[in-house]
Amino acid sequence: MKLYELAHSRTGDKGNISVISLIPFEEKDYELLKREATAKRVKEHFSGIVQGEVTRYELPKLHAFNFVMENALGGGVTRSLAVDMHGKTLGFALLEMEIEK
């Protein structure tokens, strides 16, 4: 199944760093996402884009996660030649990741 079946996402950027939140629609799916949406798997999912580390921050009281992806925006807004310099579409790309139910 794809993450978009269980969660939604928001993105932000700071320089060459992309921050993506992953928030399940239902609290009961938090543990599943915790098990399946690891920093390692997210880095693999974005292997052609993210050149740096991916760190996952767990927000259990909010039932959410934040993924901080370093060196992910082609140098940042003022240097990137990408159409999506802010990386806003990366949240949608994360939701395309396949997980096991």
PDB file of N, CA and C in Angstrom:
ATOM      1  N   MET A   1       0.837  -1.175   0.000  1.00  0.00           N
ATOM      2  CA  MET A   1       0.000   0.000   0.000  1.00  0.00           C
ATOM      3  C   MET A   1       0.884   1.241   0.000  1.00  0.00           C
ATOM      4  N   LYS A   2       0.322   2.334  -0.429  1.00  0.00           N
ATOM      5  CA  LYS A   2       1.076   3.586  -0.477  1.00  0.00           C
ATOM      6  C   LYS A   2       0.734   4.444   0.742  1.00  0.00           C
ATOM      7  N   LEU A   3       1.692   5.264   1.133  1.00  0.00           N
ATOM      8  CA  LEU A   3       1.501   6.102   2.313  1.00  0.00           C
ATOM      9  C   LEU A   3       0.281   7.006   2.194  1.00  0.00           C
ATOM     10  N   TYR A   4      -0.046   7.451   0.986  1.00  0.00           N
ATOM     11  CA  TYR A   4      -1.185   8.359   0.837  1.00  0.00           C
ATOM     12  C   TYR A   4      -2.514   7.728   1.274  1.00  0.00           C
ATOM     13  N   GLU A   5      -2.552   6.413   1.395  1.00  0.00           N
ATOM     14  CA  GLU A   5      -3.759   5.754   1.856  1.00  0.00           C
ATOM     15  C   GLU A   5      -3.960   5.923   3.361  1.00  0.00           C
ATOM     16  N   LEU A   6      -2.890   6.261   4.084  1.00  0.00           N
ATOM     17  CA  LEU A   6      -2.941   6.358   5.545  1.00  0.00           C
ATOM     18  C   LEU A   6      -2.624   7.740   6.093  1.00  0.00           C
ATOM     19  N   ALA A   7      -2.003   8.598   5.289  1.00  0.00           N
ATOM     20  CA  ALA A   7      -1.463   9.831   5.854  1.00  0.00           C
ATOM     21  C   ALA A   7      -1.476  10.983   4.863  1.00  0.00           C
ATOM     22  N   HIS A   8      -1.238  12.160   5.413  1.00  0.00           N
ATOM     23  CA  HIS A   8      -1.029  13.342   4.578  1.00  0.00           C
ATOM     24  C   HIS A   8       0.305  13.951   4.962  1.00  0.00           C
ATOM     25  N   SER A   9       0.715  14.977   4.225  1.00  0.00           N
ATOM     26  CA  SER A   9       2.057  15.505   4.393  1.00  0.00           C
ATOM     27  C   SER A   9       2.076  17.006   4.150  1.00  0.00           C
ATOM     28  N   ARG A  10       3.050  17.662   4.756  1.00  0.00           N
ATOM     29  CA  ARG A  10       3.344  19.079   4.507  1.00  0.00           C
ATOM     30  C   ARG A  10       4.851  19.202   4.334  1.00  0.00           C
ATOM     31  N   THR A  11       5.283  20.189   3.586  1.00  0.00           N
ATOM     32  CA  THR A  11       6.714  20.370   3.379  1.00  0.00           C
ATOM     33  C   THR A  11       7.133  21.807   3.682  1.00  0.00           C
ATOM     34  N   GLY A  12       8.407  21.933   3.972  1.00  0.00           N
ATOM     35  CA  GLY A  12       9.011  23.237   4.175  1.00  0.00           C
ATOM     36  C   GLY A  12      10.463  23.161   3.752  1.00  0.00           C
ATOM     37  N   ASP A  13      11.108  24.307   3.676  1.00  0.00           N
ATOM     38  CA  ASP A  13      12.513  24.302   3.275  1.00  0.00           C
ATOM     39  C   ASP A  13      13.268  25.364   4.044  1.00  0.00           C
ATOM     40  N   LYS A  14      14.539  25.139   4.184  1.00  0.00           N
ATOM     41  CA  LYS A  14      15.468  26.114   4.757  1.00  0.00           C
ATOM     42  C   LYS A  14      16.795  25.900   4.059  1.00  0.00           C
ATOM     43  N   GLY A  15      17.121  26.789   3.166  1.00  0.00           N
ATOM     44  CA  GLY A  15      18.352  26.619   2.401  1.00  0.00           C
ATOM     45  C   GLY A  15      18.263  25.382   1.537  1.00  0.00           C
ATOM     46  N   ASN A  16      19.184  24.465   1.720  1.00  0.00           N
ATOM     47  CA  ASN A  16      19.243  23.234   0.931  1.00  0.00           C
ATOM     48  C   ASN A  16      18.654  22.052   1.703  1.00  0.00           C
ATOM     49  N   ILE A  17      17.849  22.345   2.713  1.00  0.00           N
ATOM     50  CA  ILE A  17      17.245  21.308   3.553  1.00  0.00           C
ATOM     51  C   ILE A  17      15.740  21.288   3.316  1.00  0.00           C
ATOM     52  N   SER A  18      15.210  20.097   3.109  1.00  0.00           N
ATOM     53  CA  SER A  18      13.771  19.918   2.977  1.00  0.00           C
ATOM     54  C   SER A  18      13.252  19.233   4.239  1.00  0.00           C
ATOM     55  N   VAL A  19      12.142  19.731   4.753  1.00  0.00           N
ATOM     56  CA  VAL A  19      11.499  19.140   5.929  1.00  0.00           C
ATOM     57  C   VAL A  19      10.113  18.676   5.493  1.00  0.00           C
ATOM     58  N   ILE A  20       9.856  17.399   5.721  1.00  0.00           N
ATOM     59  CA  ILE A  20       8.567  16.826   5.327  1.00  0.00           C
ATOM     60  C   ILE A  20       7.899  16.216   6.554  1.00  0.00           C
ATOM     61  N   SER A  21       6.673  16.613   6.804  1.00  0.00           N
ATOM     62  CA  SER A  21       5.906  15.991   7.877  1.00  0.00           C
ATOM     63  C   SER A  21       5.086  14.846   7.296  1.00  0.00           C
ATOM     64  N   LEU A  22       4.847  13.847   8.125  1.00  0.00           N
ATOM     65  CA  LEU A  22       4.003  12.711   7.758  1.00  0.00           C
ATOM     66  C   LEU A  22       3.025  12.522   8.904  1.00  0.00           C
ATOM     67  N   ILE A  23       1.742  12.698   8.614  1.00  0.00           N
ATOM     68  CA  ILE A  23       0.718  12.709   9.652  1.00  0.00           C
ATOM     69  C   ILE A  23      -0.389  11.732   9.268  1.00  0.00           C
ATOM     70  N   PRO A  24      -0.578  10.674  10.072  1.00  0.00           N
ATOM     71  CA  PRO A  24      -1.636   9.727   9.725  1.00  0.00           C
ATOM     72  C   PRO A  24      -3.018  10.353   9.888  1.00  0.00           C
ATOM     73  N   PHE A  25      -3.940   9.911   9.053  1.00  0.00           N
ATOM     74  CA  PHE A  25      -5.323  10.363   9.175  1.00  0.00           C
ATOM     75  C   PHE A  25      -5.928   9.876  10.483  1.00  0.00           C
ATOM     76  N   GLU A  26      -5.521   8.678  10.901  1.00  0.00           N
ATOM     77  CA  GLU A  26      -6.047   8.082  12.131  1.00  0.00           C
ATOM     78  C   GLU A  26      -4.896   7.731  13.066  1.00  0.00           C
ATOM     79  N   GLU A  27      -5.063   8.041  14.353  1.00  0.00           N
ATOM     80  CA  GLU A  27      -4.021   7.795  15.344  1.00  0.00           C
ATOM     81  C   GLU A  27      -3.580   6.340  15.374  1.00  0.00           C
ATOM     82  N   LYS A  28      -4.487   5.429  15.110  1.00  0.00           N
ATOM     83  CA  LYS A  28      -4.172   4.000  15.180  1.00  0.00           C
ATOM     84  C   LYS A  28      -3.080   3.594  14.188  1.00  0.00           C
ATOM     85  N   ASP A  29      -2.864   4.375  13.152  1.00  0.00           N
ATOM     86  CA  ASP A  29      -1.860   4.041  12.134  1.00  0.00           C
ATOM     87  C   ASP A  29      -0.464   4.580  12.457  1.00  0.00           C
ATOM     88  N   TYR A  30      -0.329   5.296  13.568  1.00  0.00           N
ATOM     89  CA  TYR A  30       0.967   5.866  13.945  1.00  0.00           C
ATOM     90  C   TYR A  30       2.035   4.783  14.088  1.00  0.00           C
ATOM     91  N   GLU A  31       1.730   3.703  14.781  1.00  0.00           N
ATOM     92  CA  GLU A  31       2.724   2.643  15.010  1.00  0.00           C
ATOM     93  C   GLU A  31       3.129   1.958  13.704  1.00  0.00           C
ATOM     94  N   LEU A  32       2.191   1.778  12.810  1.00  0.00           N
ATOM     95  CA  LEU A  32       2.509   1.202  11.501  1.00  0.00           C
ATOM     96  C   LEU A  32       3.479   2.122  10.747  1.00  0.00           C
ATOM     97  N   LEU A  33       3.180   3.409  10.743  1.00  0.00           N
ATOM     98  CA  LEU A  33       4.065   4.353  10.071  1.00  0.00           C
ATOM     99  C   LEU A  33       5.425   4.413  10.761  1.00  0.00           C
ATOM    100  N   LYS A  34       5.425   4.304  12.059  1.00  0.00           N
ATOM    101  CA  LYS A  34       6.686   4.296  12.813  1.00  0.00           C
ATOM    102  C   LYS A  34       7.563   3.126  12.382  1.00  0.00           C
ATOM    103  N   ARG A  35       6.935   1.983  12.175  1.00  0.00           N
ATOM    104  CA  ARG A  35       7.668   0.780  11.768  1.00  0.00           C
ATOM    105  C   ARG A  35       8.119   0.856  10.305  1.00  0.00           C
ATOM    106  N   GLU A  36       7.279   1.360   9.434  1.00  0.00           N
ATOM    107  CA  GLU A  36       7.527   1.296   7.987  1.00  0.00           C
ATOM    108  C   GLU A  36       8.231   2.518   7.404  1.00  0.00           C
ATOM    109  N   ALA A  37       7.920   3.696   7.894  1.00  0.00           N
ATOM    110  CA  ALA A  37       8.482   4.924   7.315  1.00  0.00           C
ATOM    111  C   ALA A  37       9.731   5.333   8.100  1.00  0.00           C
ATOM    112  N   THR A  38      10.783   4.556   7.946  1.00  0.00           N
ATOM    113  CA  THR A  38      12.035   4.836   8.639  1.00  0.00           C
ATOM    114  C   THR A  38      12.861   5.852   7.852  1.00  0.00           C
ATOM    115  N   ALA A  39      13.823   6.443   8.513  1.00  0.00           N
ATOM    116  CA  ALA A  39      14.717   7.386   7.836  1.00  0.00           C
ATOM    117  C   ALA A  39      15.454   6.690   6.692  1.00  0.00           C
ATOM    118  N   LYS A  40      15.861   5.458   6.928  1.00  0.00           N
ATOM    119  CA  LYS A  40      16.576   4.697   5.895  1.00  0.00           C
ATOM    120  C   LYS A  40      15.702   4.488   4.658  1.00  0.00           C
ATOM    121  N   ARG A  41      14.446   4.098   4.868  1.00  0.00           N
ATOM    122  CA  ARG A  41      13.548   3.860   3.734  1.00  0.00           C
ATOM    123  C   ARG A  41      13.222   5.152   2.994  1.00  0.00           C
ATOM    124  N   VAL A  42      13.067   6.235   3.744  1.00  0.00           N
ATOM    125  CA  VAL A  42      12.787   7.526   3.101  1.00  0.00           C
ATOM    126  C   VAL A  42      13.996   7.967   2.281  1.00  0.00           C
ATOM    127  N   LYS A  43      15.196   7.779   2.813  1.00  0.00           N
ATOM    128  CA  LYS A  43      16.408   8.127   2.058  1.00  0.00           C
ATOM    129  C   LYS A  43      16.490   7.298   0.774  1.00  0.00           C
ATOM    130  N   GLU A  44      16.171   6.010   0.859  1.00  0.00           N
ATOM    131  CA  GLU A  44      16.166   5.153  -0.334  1.00  0.00           C
ATOM    132  C   GLU A  44      15.116   5.627  -1.337  1.00  0.00           C
ATOM    133  N   HIS A  45      13.956   6.005  -0.829  1.00  0.00           N
ATOM    134  CA  HIS A  45      12.864   6.471  -1.689  1.00  0.00           C
ATOM    135  C   HIS A  45      13.277   7.728  -2.474  1.00  0.00           C
ATOM    136  N   PHE A  46      14.063   8.594  -1.842  1.00  0.00           N
ATOM    137  CA  PHE A  46      14.515   9.835  -2.459  1.00  0.00           C
ATOM    138  C   PHE A  46      15.967   9.746  -2.922  1.00  0.00           C
ATOM    139  N   SER A  47      16.430   8.555  -3.239  1.00  0.00           N
ATOM    140  CA  SER A  47      17.856   8.353  -3.557  1.00  0.00           C
ATOM    141  C   SER A  47      18.350   9.213  -4.717  1.00  0.00           C
ATOM    142  N   GLY A  48      17.517   9.556  -5.657  1.00  0.00           N
ATOM    143  CA  GLY A  48      17.945  10.381  -6.778  1.00  0.00           C
ATOM    144  C   GLY A  48      17.907  11.871  -6.491  1.00  0.00           C
ATOM    145  N   ILE A  49      17.379  12.243  -5.346  1.00  0.00           N
ATOM    146  CA  ILE A  49      17.194  13.658  -5.011  1.00  0.00           C
ATOM    147  C   ILE A  49      18.023  14.077  -3.808  1.00  0.00           C
ATOM    148  N   VAL A  50      17.928  13.307  -2.740  1.00  0.00           N
ATOM    149  CA  VAL A  50      18.577  13.667  -1.479  1.00  0.00           C
ATOM    150  C   VAL A  50      20.021  13.177  -1.484  1.00  0.00           C
ATOM    151  N   GLN A  51      20.948  14.109  -1.362  1.00  0.00           N
ATOM    152  CA  GLN A  51      22.373  13.772  -1.367  1.00  0.00           C
ATOM    153  C   GLN A  51      22.953  13.675   0.046  1.00  0.00           C
ATOM    154  N   GLY A  52      22.222  14.153   1.043  1.00  0.00           N
ATOM    155  CA  GLY A  52      22.710  14.155   2.421  1.00  0.00           C
ATOM    156  C   GLY A  52      21.954  13.163   3.292  1.00  0.00           C
ATOM    157  N   GLU A  53      22.036  13.408   4.587  1.00  0.00           N
ATOM    158  CA  GLU A  53      21.385  12.537   5.566  1.00  0.00           C
ATOM    159  C   GLU A  53      19.886  12.813   5.650  1.00  0.00           C
ATOM    160  N   VAL A  54      19.153  11.787   6.063  1.00  0.00           N
ATOM    161  CA  VAL A  54      17.741  11.923   6.382  1.00  0.00           C
ATOM    162  C   VAL A  54      17.588  11.559   7.853  1.00  0.00           C
ATOM    163  N   THR A  55      16.992  12.462   8.607  1.00  0.00           N
ATOM    164  CA  THR A  55      16.750  12.233  10.031  1.00  0.00           C
ATOM    165  C   THR A  55      15.255  12.253  10.270  1.00  0.00           C
ATOM    166  N   ARG A  56      14.762  11.254  11.012  1.00  0.00           N
ATOM    167  CA  ARG A  56      13.336  11.219  11.348  1.00  0.00           C
ATOM    168  C   ARG A  56      13.166  11.652  12.797  1.00  0.00           C
ATOM    169  N   TYR A  57      12.265  12.579  13.008  1.00  0.00           N
ATOM    170  CA  TYR A  57      11.893  13.007  14.351  1.00  0.00           C
ATOM    171  C   TYR A  57      10.477  12.506  14.618  1.00  0.00           C
ATOM    172  N   GLU A  58      10.322  11.819  15.729  1.00  0.00           N
ATOM    173  CA  GLU A  58       9.010  11.295  16.112  1.00  0.00           C
ATOM    174  C   GLU A  58       8.313  12.291  17.028  1.00  0.00           C
ATOM    175  N   LEU A  59       7.056  12.514  16.757  1.00  0.00           N
ATOM    176  CA  LEU A  59       6.230  13.417  17.551  1.00  0.00           C
ATOM    177  C   LEU A  59       5.033  12.622  18.062  1.00  0.00           C
ATOM    178  N   PRO A  60       5.245  11.741  19.059  1.00  0.00           N
ATOM    179  CA  PRO A  60       4.200  10.812  19.476  1.00  0.00           C
ATOM    180  C   PRO A  60       2.938  11.473  20.032  1.00  0.00           C
ATOM    181  N   LYS A  61       3.071  12.609  20.671  1.00  0.00           N
ATOM    182  CA  LYS A  61       1.871  13.271  21.208  1.00  0.00           C
ATOM    183  C   LYS A  61       1.010  13.855  20.093  1.00  0.00           C
ATOM    184  N   LEU A  62       1.639  14.133  18.957  1.00  0.00           N
ATOM    185  CA  LEU A  62       0.905  14.623  17.787  1.00  0.00           C
ATOM    186  C   LEU A  62       0.580  13.501  16.812  1.00  0.00           C
ATOM    187  N   HIS A  63       1.129  12.313  17.066  1.00  0.00           N
ATOM    188  CA  HIS A  63       0.998  11.171  16.162  1.00  0.00           C
ATOM    189  C   HIS A  63       1.498  11.545  14.768  1.00  0.00           C
ATOM    190  N   ALA A  64       2.715  12.091  14.735  1.00  0.00           N
ATOM    191  CA  ALA A  64       3.271  12.563  13.468  1.00  0.00           C
ATOM    192  C   ALA A  64       4.786  12.362  13.448  1.00  0.00           C
ATOM    193  N   PHE A  65       5.364  12.589  12.287  1.00  0.00           N
ATOM    194  CA  PHE A  65       6.805  12.485  12.084  1.00  0.00           C
ATOM    195  C   PHE A  65       7.272  13.682  11.266  1.00  0.00           C
ATOM    196  N   ASN A  66       8.510  14.066  11.480  1.00  0.00           N
ATOM    197  CA  ASN A  66       9.164  15.062  10.641  1.00  0.00           C
ATOM    198  C   ASN A  66      10.424  14.427  10.081  1.00  0.00           C
ATOM    199  N   PHE A  67      10.596  14.511   8.785  1.00  0.00           N
ATOM    200  CA  PHE A  67      11.799  14.028   8.128  1.00  0.00           C
ATOM    201  C   PHE A  67      12.592  15.242   7.665  1.00  0.00           C
ATOM    202  N   VAL A  68      13.826  15.328   8.137  1.00  0.00           N
ATOM    203  CA  VAL A  68      14.718  16.415   7.730  1.00  0.00           C
ATOM    204  C   VAL A  68      15.711  15.826   6.735  1.00  0.00           C
ATOM    205  N   MET A  69      15.666  16.331   5.519  1.00  0.00           N
ATOM    206  CA  MET A  69      16.491  15.796   4.434  1.00  0.00           C
ATOM    207  C   MET A  69      17.509  16.853   4.020  1.00  0.00           C
ATOM    208  N   GLU A  70      18.761  16.574   4.320  1.00  0.00           N
ATOM    209  CA  GLU A  70      19.837  17.513   4.036  1.00  0.00           C
ATOM    210  C   GLU A  70      20.337  17.369   2.602  1.00  0.00           C
ATOM    211  N   ASN A  71      20.789  18.489   2.058  1.00  0.00           N
ATOM    212  CA  ASN A  71      21.297  18.525   0.688  1.00  0.00           C
ATOM    213  C   ASN A  71      20.274  17.916  -0.273  1.00  0.00           C
ATOM    214  N   ALA A  72      19.068  18.463  -0.202  1.00  0.00           N
ATOM    215  CA  ALA A  72      17.950  17.874  -0.939  1.00  0.00           C
ATOM    216  C   ALA A  72      17.330  18.784  -1.992  1.00  0.00           C
ATOM    217  N   LEU A  73      17.778  20.032  -2.052  1.00  0.00           N
ATOM    218  CA  LEU A  73      17.085  20.976  -2.928  1.00  0.00           C
ATOM    219  C   LEU A  73      17.988  21.596  -3.992  1.00  0.00           C
ATOM    220  N   GLY A  74      18.975  20.864  -4.403  1.00  0.00           N
ATOM    221  CA  GLY A  74      19.840  21.333  -5.479  1.00  0.00           C
ATOM    222  C   GLY A  74      20.572  22.625  -5.169  1.00  0.00           C
ATOM    223  N   GLY A  75      20.902  22.830  -3.906  1.00  0.00           N
ATOM    224  CA  GLY A  75      21.631  24.030  -3.504  1.00  0.00           C
ATOM    225  C   GLY A  75      20.769  25.059  -2.789  1.00  0.00           C
ATOM    226  N   GLY A  76      19.461  24.894  -2.814  1.00  0.00           N
ATOM    227  CA  GLY A  76      18.556  25.843  -2.174  1.00  0.00           C
ATOM    228  C   GLY A  76      17.869  26.738  -3.185  1.00  0.00           C
ATOM    229  N   VAL A  77      16.929  27.514  -2.703  1.00  0.00           N
ATOM    230  CA  VAL A  77      16.068  28.319  -3.570  1.00  0.00           C
ATOM    231  C   VAL A  77      16.862  29.255  -4.479  1.00  0.00           C
ATOM    232  N   THR A  78      17.865  29.910  -3.966  1.00  0.00           N
ATOM    233  CA  THR A  78      18.585  30.894  -4.777  1.00  0.00           C
ATOM    234  C   THR A  78      19.613  30.287  -5.714  1.00  0.00           C
ATOM    235  N   ARG A  79      19.880  28.985  -5.567  1.00  0.00           N
ATOM    236  CA  ARG A  79      20.898  28.344  -6.407  1.00  0.00           C
ATOM    237  C   ARG A  79      20.351  27.233  -7.294  1.00  0.00           C
ATOM    238  N   SER A  80      19.215  26.684  -6.933  1.00  0.00           N
ATOM    239  CA  SER A  80      18.674  25.522  -7.640  1.00  0.00           C
ATOM    240  C   SER A  80      18.151  25.887  -9.022  1.00  0.00           C
ATOM    241  N   LEU A  81      18.340  24.978  -9.959  1.00  0.00           N
ATOM    242  CA  LEU A  81      17.781  25.126 -11.293  1.00  0.00           C
ATOM    243  C   LEU A  81      16.485  24.331 -11.442  1.00  0.00           C
ATOM    244  N   ALA A  82      16.036  23.721 -10.349  1.00  0.00           N
ATOM    245  CA  ALA A  82      14.816  22.907 -10.371  1.00  0.00           C
ATOM    246  C   ALA A  82      13.582  23.790 -10.531  1.00  0.00           C
ATOM    247  N   VAL A  83      12.561  23.252 -11.149  1.00  0.00           N
ATOM    248  CA  VAL A  83      11.293  23.962 -11.282  1.00  0.00           C
ATOM    249  C   VAL A  83      10.674  24.168  -9.900  1.00  0.00           C
ATOM    250  N   ASP A  84      10.773  23.173  -9.042  1.00  0.00           N
ATOM    251  CA  ASP A  84      10.222  23.229  -7.686  1.00  0.00           C
ATOM    252  C   ASP A  84      11.365  23.510  -6.707  1.00  0.00           C
ATOM    253  N   MET A  85      11.832  24.728  -6.679  1.00  0.00           N
ATOM    254  CA  MET A  85      13.003  25.083  -5.869  1.00  0.00           C
ATOM    255  C   MET A  85      12.776  24.900  -4.375  1.00  0.00           C
ATOM    256  N   HIS A  86      11.532  25.085  -3.920  1.00  0.00           N
ATOM    257  CA  HIS A  86      11.209  24.944  -2.498  1.00  0.00           C
ATOM    258  C   HIS A  86      10.974  23.487  -2.099  1.00  0.00           C
ATOM    259  N   GLY A  87      10.844  22.608  -3.056  1.00  0.00           N
ATOM    260  CA  GLY A  87      10.618  21.197  -2.762  1.00  0.00           C
ATOM    261  C   GLY A  87       9.219  20.881  -2.258  1.00  0.00           C
ATOM    262  N   LYS A  88       8.250  21.712  -2.602  1.00  0.00           N
ATOM    263  CA  LYS A  88       6.874  21.489  -2.118  1.00  0.00           C
ATOM    264  C   LYS A  88       6.289  20.174  -2.623  1.00  0.00           C
ATOM    265  N   THR A  89       6.714  19.707  -3.776  1.00  0.00           N
ATOM    266  CA  THR A  89       6.169  18.455  -4.299  1.00  0.00           C
ATOM    267  C   THR A  89       6.780  17.220  -3.626  1.00  0.00           C
ATOM    268  N   LEU A  90       7.835  17.403  -2.836  1.00  0.00           N
ATOM    269  CA  LEU A  90       8.461  16.253  -2.174  1.00  0.00           C
ATOM    270  C   LEU A  90       7.516  15.582  -1.179  1.00  0.00           C
ATOM    271  N   GLY A  91       6.618  16.340  -0.592  1.00  0.00           N
ATOM    272  CA  GLY A  91       5.620  15.737   0.309  1.00  0.00           C
ATOM    273  C   GLY A  91       4.735  14.759  -0.444  1.00  0.00           C
ATOM    274  N   PHE A  92       4.313  15.152  -1.638  1.00  0.00           N
ATOM    275  CA  PHE A  92       3.507  14.253  -2.464  1.00  0.00           C
ATOM    276  C   PHE A  92       4.324  13.037  -2.889  1.00  0.00           C
ATOM    277  N   ALA A  93       5.596  13.269  -3.184  1.00  0.00           N
ATOM    278  CA  ALA A  93       6.470  12.153  -3.573  1.00  0.00           C
ATOM    279  C   ALA A  93       6.636  11.171  -2.422  1.00  0.00           C
ATOM    280  N   LEU A  94       6.743  11.671  -1.192  1.00  0.00           N
ATOM    281  CA  LEU A  94       6.846  10.772  -0.035  1.00  0.00           C
ATOM    282  C   LEU A  94       5.597   9.901   0.079  1.00  0.00           C
ATOM    283  N   LEU A  95       4.453  10.488  -0.154  1.00  0.00           N
ATOM    284  CA  LEU A  95       3.191   9.731  -0.028  1.00  0.00           C
ATOM    285  C   LEU A  95       3.054   8.626  -1.061  1.00  0.00           C
ATOM    286  N   GLU A  96       3.881   8.654  -2.093  1.00  0.00           N
ATOM    287  CA  GLU A  96       3.902   7.579  -3.096  1.00  0.00           C
ATOM    288  C   GLU A  96       4.727   6.365  -2.643  1.00  0.00           C
ATOM    289  N   MET A  97       5.411   6.481  -1.503  1.00  0.00           N
ATOM    290  CA  MET A  97       6.244   5.383  -1.019  1.00  0.00           C
ATOM    291  C   MET A  97       5.383   4.182  -0.620  1.00  0.00           C
ATOM    292  N   GLU A  98       5.811   3.001  -1.052  1.00  0.00           N
ATOM    293  CA  GLU A  98       5.127   1.747  -0.732  1.00  0.00           C
ATOM    294  C   GLU A  98       5.528   1.265   0.663  1.00  0.00           C
ATOM    295  N   ILE A  99       4.531   0.807   1.431  1.00  0.00           N
ATOM    296  CA  ILE A  99       4.795   0.205   2.742  1.00  0.00           C
ATOM    297  C   ILE A  99       4.011  -1.096   2.872  1.00  0.00           C
ATOM    298  N   GLU A 100       4.413  -1.904   3.826  1.00  0.00           N
ATOM    299  CA  GLU A 100       3.696  -3.141   4.137  1.00  0.00           C
ATOM    300  C   GLU A 100       2.651  -2.846   5.191  1.00  0.00           C
ATOM    301  N   LYS A 101       1.480  -3.360   5.031  1.00  0.00           N
ATOM    302  CA  LYS A 101       0.402  -3.164   6.024  1.00  0.00           C
ATOM    303  C   LYS A 101       0.520  -4.165   7.131  1.00  0.00           C
TER     304      LYS A 101
END
